[in-house]
Amino acid sequence: MTETYLRIRCTIPAELEEELPTMLAAWSLLGTEVHREGGIGIGVTVYLPETASEGAEAVRMVLIENGAQDLEQDVEVATDWLSNFRAAVH
């Protein structure tokens, strides 16, 4: 069986970057990525177990309440990034 997880992507105001860990601390996340968008906001990607649909809805609400824009949610298929990296390098 292929492992999958939920991915939530959005842009939040740049001034909330330092507050993001506190905003998301209530949930058991698989990971979070933050990347500069080049404008006034920062891109945020949050990963949750696929079975955490209630948690995903709560995370979405917190992000929206804090000014998130361009919110997207989808299911991501897990990849063996280490094997892919090794294959690309060698």
N, C-alpha and C. Protein backbone atom coordinates (compact mmCIF):
# COMPACT_ATOMS: atom_id res chain seq x y z
N MET A 1 0.84 -1.17 0.00
CA MET A 1 0.00 0.00 0.00
C MET A 1 0.89 1.24 0.00
N THR A 2 0.52 2.22 -0.79
CA THR A 2 1.26 3.47 -0.88
C THR A 2 0.88 4.39 0.26
N GLU A 3 1.89 4.93 0.90
CA GLU A 3 1.65 5.86 2.01
C GLU A 3 1.29 7.24 1.46
N THR A 4 0.26 7.84 2.04
CA THR A 4 -0.16 9.17 1.63
C THR A 4 -0.33 10.06 2.85
N TYR A 5 -0.35 11.35 2.63
CA TYR A 5 -0.58 12.30 3.71
C TYR A 5 -1.26 13.54 3.15
N LEU A 6 -1.82 14.34 4.05
CA LEU A 6 -2.49 15.58 3.66
C LEU A 6 -1.47 16.71 3.58
N ARG A 7 -1.64 17.57 2.59
CA ARG A 7 -0.77 18.72 2.43
C ARG A 7 -1.66 19.96 2.33
N ILE A 8 -1.39 20.94 3.17
CA ILE A 8 -2.10 22.22 3.14
C ILE A 8 -1.08 23.28 2.77
N ARG A 9 -1.38 24.04 1.70
CA ARG A 9 -0.49 25.11 1.26
C ARG A 9 -1.23 26.44 1.28
N CYS A 10 -0.51 27.49 1.65
CA CYS A 10 -1.11 28.82 1.67
C CYS A 10 -0.01 29.87 1.75
N THR A 11 -0.43 31.11 1.73
CA THR A 11 0.46 32.25 1.95
C THR A 11 -0.06 32.99 3.16
N ILE A 12 0.83 33.30 4.11
CA ILE A 12 0.45 34.05 5.29
C ILE A 12 1.26 35.34 5.33
N PRO A 13 0.78 36.35 6.06
CA PRO A 13 1.56 37.59 6.18
C PRO A 13 2.95 37.30 6.75
N ALA A 14 3.96 37.95 6.20
CA ALA A 14 5.36 37.70 6.59
C ALA A 14 5.60 37.93 8.08
N GLU A 15 4.87 38.86 8.68
CA GLU A 15 5.09 39.16 10.11
C GLU A 15 4.65 38.01 11.02
N LEU A 16 3.96 37.01 10.48
CA LEU A 16 3.52 35.87 11.30
C LEU A 16 4.49 34.69 11.24
N GLU A 17 5.59 34.82 10.54
CA GLU A 17 6.54 33.72 10.40
C GLU A 17 7.01 33.18 11.75
N GLU A 18 7.36 34.07 12.66
CA GLU A 18 7.85 33.64 13.98
C GLU A 18 6.74 33.05 14.85
N GLU A 19 5.50 33.42 14.60
CA GLU A 19 4.37 32.93 15.38
C GLU A 19 3.82 31.59 14.87
N LEU A 20 4.22 31.20 13.68
CA LEU A 20 3.68 29.99 13.05
C LEU A 20 3.83 28.74 13.92
N PRO A 21 4.99 28.46 14.51
CA PRO A 21 5.10 27.26 15.35
C PRO A 21 4.10 27.26 16.51
N THR A 22 3.89 28.40 17.12
CA THR A 22 2.93 28.50 18.22
C THR A 22 1.51 28.29 17.72
N MET A 23 1.19 28.86 16.55
CA MET A 23 -0.16 28.70 15.99
C MET A 23 -0.48 27.24 15.70
N LEU A 24 0.53 26.45 15.31
CA LEU A 24 0.30 25.08 14.89
C LEU A 24 0.67 24.03 15.95
N ALA A 25 1.06 24.47 17.13
CA ALA A 25 1.57 23.55 18.17
C ALA A 25 0.53 22.56 18.68
N ALA A 26 -0.74 22.83 18.52
CA ALA A 26 -1.79 21.97 19.09
C ALA A 26 -1.98 20.67 18.31
N TRP A 27 -1.40 20.55 17.12
CA TRP A 27 -1.63 19.37 16.29
C TRP A 27 -0.36 18.58 16.07
N SER A 28 -0.52 17.29 15.87
CA SER A 28 0.61 16.41 15.57
C SER A 28 0.86 16.46 14.06
N LEU A 29 1.74 17.34 13.66
CA LEU A 29 2.04 17.52 12.25
C LEU A 29 3.20 16.63 11.86
N LEU A 30 3.23 16.24 10.60
CA LEU A 30 4.37 15.49 10.07
C LEU A 30 5.51 16.42 9.72
N GLY A 31 5.18 17.66 9.41
CA GLY A 31 6.21 18.63 9.07
C GLY A 31 5.60 19.92 8.58
N THR A 32 6.42 20.94 8.51
CA THR A 32 6.01 22.26 8.02
C THR A 32 7.17 22.85 7.23
N GLU A 33 6.87 23.44 6.09
CA GLU A 33 7.86 24.16 5.29
C GLU A 33 7.45 25.61 5.19
N VAL A 34 8.43 26.49 5.24
CA VAL A 34 8.19 27.92 5.07
C VAL A 34 9.13 28.38 3.96
N HIS A 35 8.61 29.12 3.00
CA HIS A 35 9.43 29.61 1.90
C HIS A 35 8.99 31.00 1.50
N ARG A 36 9.95 31.81 1.12
CA ARG A 36 9.70 33.19 0.72
C ARG A 36 8.97 33.20 -0.61
N GLU A 37 7.95 34.02 -0.70
CA GLU A 37 7.16 34.15 -1.92
C GLU A 37 7.63 35.32 -2.77
N GLY A 38 8.49 36.17 -2.23
CA GLY A 38 8.98 37.31 -2.97
C GLY A 38 8.11 38.55 -2.81
N GLY A 39 6.97 38.42 -2.18
CA GLY A 39 6.08 39.56 -1.97
C GLY A 39 6.01 39.88 -0.49
N ILE A 40 4.84 40.25 -0.05
CA ILE A 40 4.68 40.61 1.36
C ILE A 40 4.33 39.41 2.24
N GLY A 41 4.09 38.26 1.62
CA GLY A 41 3.73 37.07 2.38
C GLY A 41 4.79 35.99 2.29
N ILE A 42 4.60 34.95 3.09
CA ILE A 42 5.48 33.79 3.03
C ILE A 42 4.62 32.57 2.72
N GLY A 43 5.18 31.67 1.95
CA GLY A 43 4.50 30.42 1.63
C GLY A 43 4.66 29.43 2.77
N VAL A 44 3.58 28.74 3.09
CA VAL A 44 3.60 27.75 4.16
C VAL A 44 3.00 26.45 3.61
N THR A 45 3.67 25.34 3.89
CA THR A 45 3.14 24.03 3.56
C THR A 45 3.14 23.22 4.84
N VAL A 46 1.98 22.66 5.18
CA VAL A 46 1.82 21.87 6.40
C VAL A 46 1.46 20.44 5.98
N TYR A 47 2.11 19.46 6.58
CA TYR A 47 1.87 18.06 6.28
C TYR A 47 1.26 17.37 7.50
N LEU A 48 0.17 16.62 7.28
CA LEU A 48 -0.51 15.88 8.35
C LEU A 48 -0.77 14.46 7.88
N PRO A 49 -0.96 13.52 8.84
CA PRO A 49 -1.37 12.18 8.43
C PRO A 49 -2.71 12.26 7.68
N GLU A 50 -2.89 11.42 6.67
CA GLU A 50 -4.12 11.48 5.88
C GLU A 50 -5.35 11.22 6.74
N THR A 51 -5.20 10.48 7.81
CA THR A 51 -6.32 10.17 8.69
C THR A 51 -6.70 11.33 9.61
N ALA A 52 -5.97 12.43 9.54
CA ALA A 52 -6.20 13.57 10.44
C ALA A 52 -7.07 14.63 9.80
N SER A 53 -8.20 14.23 9.22
CA SER A 53 -9.05 15.20 8.52
C SER A 53 -9.60 16.27 9.45
N GLU A 54 -9.95 15.90 10.69
CA GLU A 54 -10.43 16.91 11.66
C GLU A 54 -9.30 17.87 12.02
N GLY A 55 -8.11 17.35 12.20
CA GLY A 55 -6.96 18.19 12.48
C GLY A 55 -6.66 19.11 11.31
N ALA A 56 -6.81 18.60 10.10
CA ALA A 56 -6.57 19.42 8.91
C ALA A 56 -7.56 20.57 8.85
N GLU A 57 -8.81 20.31 9.17
CA GLU A 57 -9.81 21.38 9.16
C GLU A 57 -9.48 22.43 10.22
N ALA A 58 -9.04 22.00 11.39
CA ALA A 58 -8.67 22.93 12.45
C ALA A 58 -7.45 23.77 12.05
N VAL A 59 -6.46 23.14 11.42
CA VAL A 59 -5.28 23.87 10.94
C VAL A 59 -5.70 24.89 9.89
N ARG A 60 -6.56 24.49 8.97
CA ARG A 60 -7.05 25.41 7.94
C ARG A 60 -7.72 26.63 8.59
N MET A 61 -8.55 26.39 9.59
CA MET A 61 -9.25 27.49 10.25
C MET A 61 -8.28 28.45 10.94
N VAL A 62 -7.26 27.92 11.62
CA VAL A 62 -6.27 28.77 12.27
C VAL A 62 -5.51 29.60 11.24
N LEU A 63 -5.15 28.98 10.15
CA LEU A 63 -4.44 29.71 9.10
C LEU A 63 -5.32 30.82 8.52
N ILE A 64 -6.58 30.50 8.25
CA ILE A 64 -7.51 31.49 7.71
C ILE A 64 -7.71 32.64 8.70
N GLU A 65 -7.89 32.31 9.97
CA GLU A 65 -8.08 33.33 11.00
C GLU A 65 -6.87 34.27 11.11
N ASN A 66 -5.72 33.78 10.68
CA ASN A 66 -4.50 34.58 10.75
C ASN A 66 -4.11 35.15 9.39
N GLY A 67 -5.06 35.25 8.49
CA GLY A 67 -4.83 35.94 7.23
C GLY A 67 -4.30 35.11 6.08
N ALA A 68 -4.41 33.78 6.15
CA ALA A 68 -3.93 32.94 5.05
C ALA A 68 -4.71 33.23 3.77
N GLN A 69 -3.98 33.21 2.67
CA GLN A 69 -4.58 33.38 1.35
C GLN A 69 -4.14 32.23 0.46
N ASP A 70 -4.87 32.04 -0.62
CA ASP A 70 -4.54 31.00 -1.61
C ASP A 70 -4.42 29.63 -0.98
N LEU A 71 -5.33 29.31 -0.07
CA LEU A 71 -5.29 28.05 0.67
C LEU A 71 -5.67 26.88 -0.23
N GLU A 72 -4.85 25.85 -0.24
CA GLU A 72 -5.09 24.64 -1.01
C GLU A 72 -4.84 23.43 -0.12
N GLN A 73 -5.64 22.39 -0.30
CA GLN A 73 -5.41 21.15 0.42
C GLN A 73 -5.49 20.00 -0.57
N ASP A 74 -4.55 19.07 -0.48
CA ASP A 74 -4.59 17.90 -1.33
C ASP A 74 -3.93 16.73 -0.62
N VAL A 75 -3.97 15.59 -1.28
CA VAL A 75 -3.35 14.38 -0.74
C VAL A 75 -2.05 14.16 -1.51
N GLU A 76 -0.99 13.98 -0.79
CA GLU A 76 0.34 13.78 -1.36
C GLU A 76 0.74 12.33 -1.20
N VAL A 77 1.30 11.75 -2.24
CA VAL A 77 1.82 10.39 -2.17
C VAL A 77 3.26 10.48 -1.68
N ALA A 78 3.58 9.73 -0.65
CA ALA A 78 4.93 9.75 -0.09
C ALA A 78 5.92 9.19 -1.10
N THR A 79 7.07 9.83 -1.18
CA THR A 79 8.13 9.35 -2.06
C THR A 79 9.37 9.07 -1.22
N ASP A 80 10.18 8.18 -1.68
CA ASP A 80 11.43 7.89 -1.01
C ASP A 80 12.46 8.91 -1.51
N TRP A 81 12.44 10.10 -0.91
CA TRP A 81 13.28 11.19 -1.39
C TRP A 81 14.76 10.86 -1.27
N LEU A 82 15.14 10.08 -0.26
CA LEU A 82 16.56 9.76 -0.09
C LEU A 82 17.05 8.89 -1.24
N SER A 83 16.28 7.89 -1.61
CA SER A 83 16.65 7.05 -2.76
C SER A 83 16.68 7.87 -4.04
N ASN A 84 15.71 8.74 -4.22
CA ASN A 84 15.69 9.60 -5.41
C ASN A 84 16.91 10.50 -5.45
N PHE A 85 17.29 11.05 -4.30
CA PHE A 85 18.46 11.91 -4.23
C PHE A 85 19.73 11.13 -4.56
N ARG A 86 19.86 9.96 -3.96
CA ARG A 86 21.05 9.15 -4.21
C ARG A 86 21.16 8.75 -5.69
N ALA A 87 20.03 8.41 -6.29
CA ALA A 87 20.02 8.04 -7.71
C ALA A 87 20.42 9.23 -8.59
N ALA A 88 20.00 10.42 -8.21
CA ALA A 88 20.32 11.61 -8.99
C ALA A 88 21.78 12.01 -8.85
N VAL A 89 22.36 11.77 -7.68
CA VAL A 89 23.72 12.19 -7.40
C VAL A 89 24.73 11.18 -7.95
N HIS A 90 24.42 9.91 -7.94
CA HIS A 90 25.39 8.88 -8.34
C HIS A 90 25.18 8.41 -9.73
